[in-house]
């Protein structure tokens, strides 16, 4: 686990080049103290939970092809939860150890894909707007990128989004807990 004291983050801030419209505008967020897994939940740990038996984990790969519902259920079974998008970004931008462990799988968060206050659509209106939760999109935010993601998209502010029942993508998760 990696523990973080309460603090503030400027979501969407920190990139000097191109940003997607849904990463803007820069928005301040207050973060309460929390702890988060130092790496994504392993495939062996997830399979052991699903099957109720021990599963060897020789290589300790991240669990992959996990739905949002299964990720939430796993976390709840351990008295934990999925991190919010803001908590995930806070950890990735404050901890080199955390950031170094990203990029294996897209990581589910507990945050619905929604516009930030003051959002303005970019030139490709249909990139973000139709998928926002208030438009019936019911998409959840994922962070971090996977092994198949182009390095240009592996930065803490990037907001990926899928519907919660999807398991065909390279999606995994971490758990966290308020402290």
Protein backbone atom coordinates (compact mmCIF):
# COMPACT_ATOMS: atom_id res chain seq x y z
CA UNK A 1 0.00 0.00 0.00
CA UNK A 2 0.98 3.60 -0.55
CA UNK A 3 -0.52 6.14 1.86
CA UNK A 4 -1.26 9.76 1.02
CA UNK A 5 -2.10 12.64 3.33
CA UNK A 6 -4.98 14.91 2.37
CA UNK A 7 -4.15 17.48 -0.27
CA UNK A 8 -5.26 19.31 -3.38
CA UNK A 9 -4.69 18.49 -7.02
CA UNK A 10 -5.25 20.45 -10.19
CA UNK A 11 -6.92 17.83 -12.37
CA UNK A 12 -5.96 18.13 -16.01
CA UNK A 13 -2.90 20.25 -15.27
CA UNK A 14 0.63 19.29 -16.14
CA UNK A 15 0.77 18.62 -19.88
CA UNK A 16 2.54 21.14 -22.04
CA UNK A 17 1.30 19.76 -25.34
CA UNK A 18 -2.07 18.54 -26.62
CA UNK A 19 -4.90 17.71 -24.20
CA UNK A 20 -8.23 16.08 -24.99
CA UNK A 21 -11.32 18.22 -24.39
CA UNK A 22 -12.56 16.02 -21.53
CA UNK A 23 -9.32 16.67 -19.59
CA UNK A 24 -10.16 20.37 -19.47
CA UNK A 25 -10.62 22.80 -17.93
CA UNK A 26 -8.08 22.45 -15.17
CA UNK A 27 -10.11 21.82 -12.02
CA UNK A 28 -9.06 21.90 -8.37
CA UNK A 29 -10.00 18.85 -6.32
CA UNK A 30 -9.62 18.30 -2.58
CA UNK A 31 -8.38 14.83 -1.70
CA UNK A 32 -8.96 13.25 1.73
CA UNK A 33 -6.24 11.02 3.16
CA UNK A 34 -6.24 7.55 1.56
CA UNK A 35 -4.15 4.49 0.86
CA UNK A 36 -3.99 2.69 -2.46
CA UNK A 37 -2.48 -0.54 -3.74
CA UNK A 38 1.09 -0.02 -4.90
CA UNK A 39 0.31 -2.00 -8.06
CA UNK A 40 -2.76 -3.36 -9.85
CA UNK A 41 -4.46 -6.42 -8.34
CA UNK A 42 -2.73 -9.53 -9.70
CA UNK A 43 -4.41 -12.08 -11.90
CA UNK A 44 -3.69 -14.78 -9.32
CA UNK A 45 -5.34 -12.81 -6.50
CA UNK A 46 -8.38 -12.07 -8.65
CA UNK A 47 -8.72 -15.68 -9.83
CA UNK A 48 -8.33 -16.97 -6.28
CA UNK A 49 -11.18 -14.67 -5.22
CA UNK A 50 -13.36 -15.81 -8.15
CA UNK A 51 -12.70 -19.51 -7.64
CA UNK A 52 -12.29 -19.60 -3.86
CA UNK A 53 -9.05 -21.54 -4.24
CA UNK A 54 -5.36 -20.73 -4.28
CA UNK A 55 -3.89 -19.96 -7.68
CA UNK A 56 -0.11 -19.87 -8.21
CA UNK A 57 1.20 -16.52 -9.38
CA UNK A 58 4.70 -17.13 -10.70
CA UNK A 59 4.90 -13.94 -12.75
CA UNK A 60 2.45 -11.74 -10.80
CA UNK A 61 0.75 -10.25 -13.87
CA UNK A 62 -2.08 -7.77 -13.38
CA UNK A 63 -5.62 -9.09 -13.56
CA UNK A 64 -6.98 -8.30 -17.02
CA UNK A 65 -10.35 -8.35 -18.83
CA UNK A 66 -12.16 -7.47 -15.59
CA UNK A 67 -15.54 -5.71 -15.61
CA UNK A 68 -16.16 -2.68 -13.42
CA UNK A 69 -18.74 -4.67 -11.43
CA UNK A 70 -16.25 -7.46 -10.70
CA UNK A 71 -13.57 -4.95 -9.72
CA UNK A 72 -16.00 -3.24 -7.29
CA UNK A 73 -17.07 -6.59 -5.84
CA UNK A 74 -13.47 -7.70 -5.30
CA UNK A 75 -12.66 -4.44 -3.52
CA UNK A 76 -15.78 -4.60 -1.35
CA UNK A 77 -15.00 -8.18 -0.34
CA UNK A 78 -11.75 -6.83 1.11
CA UNK A 79 -13.36 -3.88 2.88
CA UNK A 80 -11.97 -1.52 0.27
CA UNK A 81 -13.20 0.34 -2.82
CA UNK A 82 -12.03 1.50 -6.23
CA UNK A 83 -10.19 4.82 -6.20
CA UNK A 84 -11.84 7.92 -7.57
CA UNK A 85 -10.36 9.39 -10.71
CA UNK A 86 -8.95 12.26 -8.62
CA UNK A 87 -7.33 9.88 -6.10
CA UNK A 88 -5.76 7.83 -8.91
CA UNK A 89 -4.35 10.94 -10.61
CA UNK A 90 -3.17 12.32 -7.26
CA UNK A 91 -1.25 9.08 -6.58
CA UNK A 92 0.22 8.94 -10.08
CA UNK A 93 1.47 12.50 -9.93
CA UNK A 94 2.79 12.36 -6.35
CA UNK A 95 4.42 8.94 -6.17
CA UNK A 96 7.14 7.75 -8.57
CA UNK A 97 6.58 4.22 -7.21
CA UNK A 98 2.88 4.36 -8.08
CA UNK A 99 3.45 5.88 -11.52
CA UNK A 100 6.14 3.29 -12.36
CA UNK A 101 3.58 0.53 -11.72
CA UNK A 102 1.06 1.88 -14.24
CA UNK A 103 0.77 0.92 -17.88
CA UNK A 104 0.09 -2.82 -17.57
CA UNK A 105 -3.70 -2.49 -17.76
CA UNK A 106 -6.24 0.31 -17.92
CA UNK A 107 -7.41 0.76 -14.35
CA UNK A 108 -11.06 1.16 -13.42
CA UNK A 109 -11.98 4.03 -11.11
CA UNK A 110 -15.22 4.66 -9.23
CA UNK A 111 -15.81 7.87 -11.22
CA UNK A 112 -18.45 8.27 -13.89
CA UNK A 113 -17.22 9.82 -17.11
CA UNK A 114 -18.61 13.35 -16.82
CA UNK A 115 -17.58 16.82 -17.98
CA UNK A 116 -15.70 19.07 -15.63
CA UNK A 117 -17.28 22.38 -14.63
CA UNK A 118 -16.74 24.81 -17.50
CA UNK A 119 -16.20 22.05 -20.09
CA UNK A 120 -16.10 23.17 -23.72
CA UNK A 121 -16.23 20.54 -26.47
CA UNK A 122 -13.23 20.36 -28.76
CA UNK A 123 -13.35 20.29 -32.54
CA UNK A 124 -14.43 16.64 -32.47
CA UNK A 125 -17.71 17.10 -30.60
CA UNK A 126 -18.54 13.40 -30.75
CA UNK A 127 -15.30 12.35 -29.01
CA UNK A 128 -16.49 13.04 -25.45
CA UNK A 129 -19.92 14.64 -25.33
CA UNK A 130 -22.11 11.65 -26.33
CA UNK A 131 -20.45 9.43 -23.73
CA UNK A 132 -20.83 11.63 -20.66
CA UNK A 133 -22.99 10.07 -17.95
CA UNK A 134 -25.56 12.89 -18.03
CA UNK A 135 -26.14 12.13 -21.73
CA UNK A 136 -27.00 8.52 -20.92
CA UNK A 137 -23.49 7.33 -21.67
CA UNK A 138 -23.04 5.38 -18.40
CA UNK A 139 -19.31 5.19 -18.99
CA UNK A 140 -16.77 4.90 -16.17
CA UNK A 141 -13.30 6.50 -16.14
CA UNK A 142 -10.19 4.35 -16.54
CA UNK A 143 -6.66 5.58 -15.99
CA UNK A 144 -3.09 4.53 -16.71
CA UNK A 145 -2.95 2.80 -20.09
CA UNK A 146 -2.20 -0.82 -20.89
CA UNK A 147 0.71 -2.66 -22.42
CA UNK A 148 -1.03 -2.13 -25.80
CA UNK A 149 -1.47 1.65 -25.35
CA UNK A 150 0.71 4.05 -27.34
CA UNK A 151 3.18 5.77 -24.97
CA UNK A 152 1.74 9.19 -25.97
CA UNK A 153 -1.45 8.29 -24.09
CA UNK A 154 0.23 7.06 -20.92
CA UNK A 155 0.08 10.18 -18.80
CA UNK A 156 -1.79 10.68 -15.50
CA UNK A 157 -4.31 13.20 -16.81
CA UNK A 158 -5.59 11.01 -19.69
CA UNK A 159 -9.22 10.00 -19.22
CA UNK A 160 -10.23 6.77 -20.91
CA UNK A 161 -13.82 5.57 -20.61
CA UNK A 162 -15.76 2.35 -21.15
CA UNK A 163 -19.14 1.01 -20.17
CA UNK A 164 -18.92 -0.96 -16.91
CA UNK A 165 -19.84 -4.35 -18.37
CA UNK A 166 -16.92 -4.39 -20.83
CA UNK A 167 -14.26 -7.00 -20.25
CA UNK A 168 -12.86 -7.22 -23.76
CA UNK A 169 -10.42 -4.37 -23.15
CA UNK A 170 -7.18 -4.66 -21.19
CA UNK A 171 -8.85 -3.48 -17.97
CA UNK A 172 -7.75 -4.19 -14.42
CA UNK A 173 -7.89 -2.26 -11.17
CA UNK A 174 -6.42 -1.32 -7.80
CA UNK A 175 -8.20 -0.97 -4.50
CA UNK A 176 -8.01 1.85 -2.01
CA UNK A 177 -9.33 2.91 1.36
CA UNK A 178 -9.94 6.23 3.09
CA UNK A 179 -7.78 6.69 6.18
